[in-house]
Amino acid sequence: MANCCSLTVANTGFGCTPIMEVVEKFIEVSFFKADGTINEIDLSDTFNLAYFTALVNNADETLRWYPLPFVKNMIDERADSDFESFDDKTRIERQVGIRSVKTIITTLGNNAGAVSPQMVGKINDKKCKVSGLFGITKSKQLVGEMINDGFLAPIRIDNGSLMAILVKTGSGAITQKINLGFDWHIDVQDERLRTLEADEMTTDISLLNGLLDVTSVYSAIGQTSFKATLKTIFGTFVNPLLVEGLVAGDMALYNVTDSANVTITSAVEAPDGTYTISYASQTVADVLRLTITKDGFDFTAVTANTITI
């Protein structure tokens, strides 16, 4: 029957269980997969670098992992429950208290460039999504919630409570930083929190970084070649952070007009981040589509930005 307490008493024996250390980093994921099931990881999998790299670079955004920057001054506390009181001084719990997180993203650790206004926008963009977070602790544990036996689920957050605020140098702060806060979802139960221990994985998951979004600007477009400058939103407007070191094998070209693949004969980088891409002669006014595949980057916007001969 709904809302009824169990009449049995839970056993209280206990055994050695690792203590959850302080979280120093979060990994954001979609809480639900495309089919509506929880986006859990199977604890029978092999947790090596290839496993986690595949998650970060997954083409399916509902399965992809989005590592956030390192955090400091972590506060993760549950408020007192809300009780209804009666004339005889007895009380009954009306609603469990909300667990809230307040923390700071700084430039310390592996966080160079992480305290930018662009990062504030990336985090706040997640307010409209049903998200969950895995935590990574200082001892490299992966923290999640065991909702289904044998699986570790992300801890669901109340996305409407998510708040990233840029703290600029000079506004009471010595260095620029980002204040980050959110509430865990009301359905999160402390007793279901679990850890995947560092020695149960063969890689340091704290070193995982999120993908960089890449856009393209095309120039010198001709029948046998064009130039593609590949940039991110980071850096400055005049001197953005560019994508360097790609080779022809990272690229594919497709003639949308003719519905045919186009063989790339060379891709020469000069200057850094700008590639002269050469190919067999194509017809004037045909539309080409450039697709690039490289771990660490999201080239969706590049694929969408077609080239007209």
Protein backbone atom coordinates (compact mmCIF):
# COMPACT_ATOMS: atom_id res chain seq x y z
CA MET A 1 0.00 0.00 0.00
CA ALA A 2 1.38 3.42 -0.91
CA ASN A 3 2.90 5.62 1.80
CA CYS A 4 2.88 2.84 4.39
CA CYS A 5 5.94 2.07 6.51
CA SER A 6 7.38 -1.43 6.53
CA LEU A 7 6.34 -3.41 9.62
CA THR A 8 9.62 -5.33 9.59
CA VAL A 9 12.84 -4.10 11.17
CA ALA A 10 15.95 -3.89 8.99
CA ASN A 11 19.00 -5.81 10.14
CA THR A 12 21.82 -3.58 11.32
CA GLY A 13 24.92 -5.73 10.95
CA PHE A 14 27.71 -4.09 8.99
CA GLY A 15 31.01 -4.80 7.28
CA CYS A 16 33.98 -2.83 6.03
CA THR A 17 32.88 -0.33 3.37
CA PRO A 18 35.02 2.42 1.78
CA ILE A 19 34.30 5.95 2.94
CA MET A 20 33.26 8.40 0.22
CA GLU A 21 35.89 11.10 0.00
CA VAL A 22 35.28 14.73 -0.93
CA VAL A 23 34.21 15.20 -4.55
CA GLU A 24 36.68 17.22 -6.65
CA LYS A 25 35.04 16.86 -10.06
CA PHE A 26 31.66 16.07 -11.62
CA ILE A 27 30.70 14.27 -14.81
CA GLU A 28 27.35 15.40 -16.21
CA VAL A 29 25.23 12.95 -18.21
CA SER A 30 21.69 12.74 -19.46
CA PHE A 31 19.81 10.97 -16.68
CA PHE A 32 17.70 9.06 -19.21
CA LYS A 33 18.74 7.30 -22.39
CA ALA A 34 16.83 7.87 -25.62
CA ASP A 35 14.64 4.84 -24.84
CA GLY A 36 13.61 6.32 -21.47
CA THR A 37 15.69 3.98 -19.27
CA ILE A 38 18.17 5.33 -16.73
CA ASN A 39 21.63 6.03 -18.12
CA GLU A 40 23.46 3.58 -15.84
CA ILE A 41 26.80 1.84 -16.21
CA ASP A 42 27.02 -1.93 -15.91
CA LEU A 43 29.30 -2.80 -12.99
CA SER A 44 30.39 -6.00 -14.77
CA ASP A 45 32.12 -3.94 -17.50
CA THR A 46 35.89 -3.47 -17.74
CA PHE A 47 36.69 0.05 -16.56
CA ASN A 48 39.81 1.02 -18.53
CA LEU A 49 40.82 4.16 -20.41
CA ALA A 50 39.22 2.95 -23.66
CA TYR A 51 35.89 2.44 -21.86
CA PHE A 52 35.75 5.98 -20.46
CA THR A 53 37.17 7.59 -23.62
CA ALA A 54 34.35 6.00 -25.61
CA LEU A 55 31.78 7.46 -23.22
CA VAL A 56 33.19 10.99 -23.46
CA ASN A 57 33.27 10.77 -27.28
CA ASN A 58 29.96 8.92 -27.76
CA ALA A 59 28.08 10.21 -30.80
CA ASP A 60 24.76 9.73 -28.95
CA GLU A 61 24.35 12.81 -26.74
CA THR A 62 22.05 10.90 -24.36
CA LEU A 63 24.89 8.45 -23.65
CA ARG A 64 27.83 10.87 -23.73
CA TRP A 65 29.73 11.85 -20.59
CA TYR A 66 30.44 15.58 -20.06
CA PRO A 67 33.28 16.03 -17.53
CA LEU A 68 33.19 19.39 -15.74
CA PRO A 69 36.26 21.24 -14.40
CA PHE A 70 37.77 20.53 -10.98
CA VAL A 71 36.02 22.16 -8.02
CA LYS A 72 37.11 23.49 -4.62
CA ASN A 73 35.46 24.21 -1.25
CA MET A 74 32.86 21.49 -1.76
CA ILE A 75 29.75 21.72 0.45
CA ASP A 76 27.22 18.90 0.02
CA GLU A 77 24.62 18.96 2.80
CA ARG A 78 21.04 17.84 3.26
CA ALA A 79 18.67 20.26 4.97
CA ASP A 80 16.54 19.16 7.90
CA SER A 81 13.29 17.44 7.00
CA ASP A 82 10.04 19.35 7.09
CA PHE A 83 7.78 18.07 9.90
CA GLU A 84 4.14 18.54 10.78
CA SER A 85 3.62 19.07 14.54
CA PHE A 86 0.57 18.11 16.61
CA ASP A 87 -0.94 19.37 19.86
CA ASP A 88 0.52 16.46 21.85
CA LYS A 89 4.03 17.52 20.71
CA THR A 90 4.49 14.56 18.36
CA ARG A 91 5.71 15.12 14.83
CA ILE A 92 5.56 13.37 11.51
CA GLU A 93 7.94 13.88 8.61
CA ARG A 94 6.17 15.68 5.81
CA GLN A 95 9.06 15.93 3.35
CA VAL A 96 12.69 14.93 3.48
CA GLY A 97 15.14 17.84 3.35
CA ILE A 98 16.74 18.80 0.07
CA ARG A 99 20.44 18.01 -0.38
CA SER A 100 22.25 21.01 -1.89
CA VAL A 101 25.72 21.55 -3.30
CA LYS A 102 27.78 24.73 -3.31
CA THR A 103 31.29 24.73 -4.75
CA ILE A 104 33.79 26.81 -6.72
CA ILE A 105 35.55 26.31 -10.04
CA THR A 106 39.02 27.90 -9.94
CA THR A 107 42.10 27.97 -12.16
CA LEU A 108 43.89 25.48 -9.89
CA GLY A 109 44.79 21.97 -10.99
CA ASN A 110 44.05 21.04 -14.59
CA ASN A 111 41.61 23.94 -14.98
CA ALA A 112 43.41 26.38 -17.26
CA GLY A 113 40.72 28.35 -19.07
CA ALA A 114 37.91 26.73 -17.08
CA VAL A 115 36.74 29.94 -15.35
CA SER A 116 35.72 31.73 -18.55
CA PRO A 117 32.33 33.31 -19.31
CA GLN A 118 32.02 30.66 -22.03
CA MET A 119 32.13 27.91 -19.38
CA VAL A 120 29.41 29.69 -17.38
CA GLY A 121 27.22 29.52 -20.47
CA LYS A 122 28.00 25.84 -21.06
CA ILE A 123 26.99 24.92 -17.50
CA ASN A 124 23.84 27.05 -17.36
CA ASP A 125 22.74 25.58 -20.70
CA LYS A 126 22.10 22.34 -18.81
CA LYS A 127 19.18 23.87 -16.89
CA CYS A 128 16.80 22.73 -19.60
CA LYS A 129 17.94 19.08 -19.53
CA VAL A 130 17.10 16.17 -17.22
CA SER A 131 20.63 15.56 -15.99
CA GLY A 132 22.53 13.50 -13.49
CA LEU A 133 26.03 13.74 -12.12
CA PHE A 134 28.70 11.22 -11.29
CA GLY A 135 31.17 12.50 -8.72
CA ILE A 136 34.92 11.90 -8.76
CA THR A 137 36.53 12.13 -5.33
CA LYS A 138 40.02 13.13 -4.26
CA SER A 139 40.88 9.42 -3.95
CA LYS A 140 39.58 8.86 -7.53
CA GLN A 141 36.38 7.06 -6.57
CA LEU A 142 33.42 7.29 -8.95
CA VAL A 143 30.31 8.14 -6.94
CA GLY A 144 26.80 7.36 -8.14
CA GLU A 145 23.48 5.93 -6.99
CA MET A 146 22.58 2.24 -7.12
CA ILE A 147 18.95 2.31 -8.22
CA ASN A 148 19.08 -1.10 -9.94
CA ASP A 149 21.25 -3.90 -8.58
CA GLY A 150 24.49 -4.33 -10.50
CA PHE A 151 24.39 -0.87 -12.09
CA LEU A 152 25.69 2.55 -11.06
CA ALA A 153 23.42 5.43 -12.03
CA PRO A 154 24.23 9.13 -12.11
CA ILE A 155 22.83 11.09 -9.18
CA ARG A 156 19.91 13.06 -10.57
CA ILE A 157 19.88 16.80 -10.01
CA ASP A 158 17.07 19.34 -9.91
CA ASN A 159 18.11 21.11 -13.09
CA GLY A 160 16.02 24.18 -12.32
CA SER A 161 18.24 24.83 -9.31
CA LEU A 162 21.47 24.76 -11.33
CA MET A 163 23.37 28.03 -11.09
CA ALA A 164 26.79 29.01 -12.40
CA ILE A 165 27.90 32.58 -11.65
CA LEU A 166 31.04 34.28 -12.91
CA VAL A 167 33.01 35.96 -10.10
CA LYS A 168 35.28 38.53 -11.72
CA THR A 169 38.63 39.61 -10.38
CA GLY A 170 38.19 42.71 -8.25
CA SER A 171 34.66 41.93 -7.05
CA GLY A 172 35.92 40.75 -3.67
CA ALA A 173 38.00 38.04 -5.34
CA ILE A 174 41.72 37.88 -6.01
CA THR A 175 41.28 35.63 -9.02
CA GLN A 176 38.42 35.00 -11.42
CA LYS A 177 36.31 31.96 -10.56
CA ILE A 178 32.87 30.39 -11.06
CA ASN A 179 30.45 29.79 -8.20
CA LEU A 180 28.53 26.57 -8.88
CA GLY A 181 25.43 25.44 -7.02
CA PHE A 182 22.52 23.04 -7.44
CA ASP A 183 20.12 20.78 -5.54
CA TRP A 184 19.98 17.03 -5.84
CA HIS A 185 16.61 15.75 -7.03
CA ILE A 186 14.04 15.01 -4.33
CA ASP A 187 14.06 11.32 -5.33
CA VAL A 188 17.78 10.89 -4.55
CA GLN A 189 18.23 8.64 -1.51
CA ASP A 190 21.42 8.84 0.54
CA GLU A 191 21.24 5.14 1.38
CA ARG A 192 21.59 4.25 -2.31
CA LEU A 193 24.87 6.12 -2.85
CA ARG A 194 27.71 3.85 -3.92
CA THR A 195 31.32 4.14 -5.09
CA LEU A 196 33.36 2.46 -7.77
CA GLU A 197 36.80 2.38 -6.18
CA ALA A 198 40.00 3.60 -7.84
CA ASP A 199 41.52 0.10 -7.69
CA GLU A 200 38.45 -1.26 -9.50
CA MET A 201 39.42 0.86 -12.51
CA THR A 202 42.66 0.85 -14.50
CA THR A 203 42.77 4.57 -15.29
CA ASP A 204 42.59 7.90 -13.46
CA ILE A 205 39.11 9.12 -14.34
CA SER A 206 39.81 12.57 -12.90
CA LEU A 207 41.87 13.27 -16.03
CA LEU A 208 38.83 12.99 -18.31
CA ASN A 209 37.99 16.23 -20.13
CA GLY A 210 34.86 17.23 -21.99
CA LEU A 211 34.67 17.73 -25.74
CA LEU A 212 35.41 21.06 -27.39
CA ASP A 213 32.74 22.36 -29.77
CA VAL A 214 34.26 23.29 -33.13
CA THR A 215 32.97 25.62 -35.85
CA SER A 216 34.34 26.20 -39.34
CA VAL A 217 34.97 29.15 -41.63
CA TYR A 218 35.54 28.32 -45.33
CA SER A 219 37.48 30.42 -47.82
CA ALA A 220 39.19 30.17 -51.21
CA ILE A 221 36.53 27.71 -52.34
CA GLY A 222 37.26 26.21 -55.77
CA GLN A 223 36.52 23.13 -57.82
CA THR A 224 39.55 21.23 -56.46
CA SER A 225 40.20 22.72 -53.02
CA PHE A 226 39.04 25.01 -50.23
CA LYS A 227 40.41 26.30 -46.95
CA ALA A 228 38.80 25.43 -43.62
CA THR A 229 39.64 27.33 -40.43
CA LEU A 230 38.54 25.33 -37.41
CA LYS A 231 37.97 27.23 -34.18
CA THR A 232 36.38 26.89 -30.74
CA ILE A 233 34.56 29.46 -28.59
CA PHE A 234 37.56 29.74 -26.26
CA GLY A 235 40.48 32.13 -26.53
CA THR A 236 39.55 35.62 -27.72
CA PHE A 237 37.30 36.83 -30.51
CA VAL A 238 40.30 37.92 -32.58
CA ASN A 239 42.52 34.98 -31.59
CA PRO A 240 40.27 32.00 -30.83
CA LEU A 241 41.57 28.63 -29.72
CA LEU A 242 42.08 26.73 -32.98
CA VAL A 243 42.02 23.00 -33.71
CA GLU A 244 45.50 21.96 -34.74
CA GLY A 245 47.23 18.76 -35.83
CA LEU A 246 44.53 17.15 -37.95
CA VAL A 247 45.40 15.03 -40.97
CA ALA A 248 43.50 13.95 -44.07
CA GLY A 249 42.62 10.64 -42.41
CA ASP A 250 40.55 12.54 -39.82
CA MET A 251 38.35 13.99 -42.57
CA ALA A 252 35.70 12.84 -45.01
CA LEU A 253 34.11 14.82 -47.84
CA TYR A 254 30.68 14.21 -49.35
CA ASN A 255 29.00 15.76 -52.39
CA VAL A 256 25.45 16.43 -51.20
CA THR A 257 24.28 17.40 -54.69
CA ASP A 258 25.49 14.17 -56.30
CA SER A 259 24.99 11.96 -53.21
CA ALA A 260 28.55 10.71 -53.60
CA ASN A 261 31.70 10.46 -51.50
CA VAL A 262 34.61 12.66 -52.55
CA THR A 263 38.16 11.43 -51.99
CA ILE A 264 40.39 13.92 -50.16
CA THR A 265 43.85 13.86 -51.75
CA SER A 266 45.55 16.06 -49.15
CA ALA A 267 44.92 18.27 -46.13
CA VAL A 268 47.75 20.74 -45.50
CA GLU A 269 47.74 22.80 -42.30
CA ALA A 270 49.12 26.33 -42.78
CA PRO A 271 48.83 28.46 -40.74
CA ASP A 272 47.93 26.59 -37.55
CA GLY A 273 44.26 25.64 -37.47
CA THR A 274 43.67 26.37 -41.16
CA TYR A 275 43.61 23.45 -43.60
CA THR A 276 43.81 23.51 -47.39
CA ILE A 277 41.75 20.49 -48.38
CA SER A 278 42.29 19.18 -51.91
CA TYR A 279 40.13 16.73 -53.87
CA ALA A 280 39.14 15.65 -57.39
CA SER A 281 37.44 18.36 -59.44
CA GLN A 282 33.79 18.99 -58.56
CA THR A 283 31.05 20.81 -60.50
CA VAL A 284 30.42 24.51 -59.88
CA ALA A 285 27.40 25.10 -57.57
CA ASP A 286 27.61 21.60 -56.07
CA VAL A 287 27.30 21.44 -52.28
CA LEU A 288 29.94 19.61 -50.24
CA ARG A 289 29.82 18.45 -46.62
CA LEU A 290 32.97 18.08 -44.51
CA THR A 291 32.92 15.55 -41.67
CA ILE A 292 35.77 15.36 -39.16
CA THR A 293 36.27 12.68 -36.52
CA LYS A 294 38.76 13.17 -33.70
CA ASP A 295 38.57 12.30 -30.00
CA GLY A 296 38.25 15.35 -27.77
CA PHE A 297 36.19 17.42 -30.20
CA ASP A 298 32.58 17.79 -31.33
CA PHE A 299 32.48 18.67 -35.03
CA THR A 300 28.67 18.70 -35.36
CA ALA A 301 28.63 22.37 -36.38
CA VAL A 302 31.34 21.73 -38.98
CA THR A 303 29.27 18.97 -40.58
CA ALA A 304 26.22 21.25 -40.67
CA ASN A 305 28.15 24.10 -42.32
CA THR A 306 28.16 23.01 -45.97
CA ILE A 307 30.43 24.33 -48.74
CA THR A 308 29.12 25.51 -52.12
CA ILE A 309 31.58 25.19 -55.01
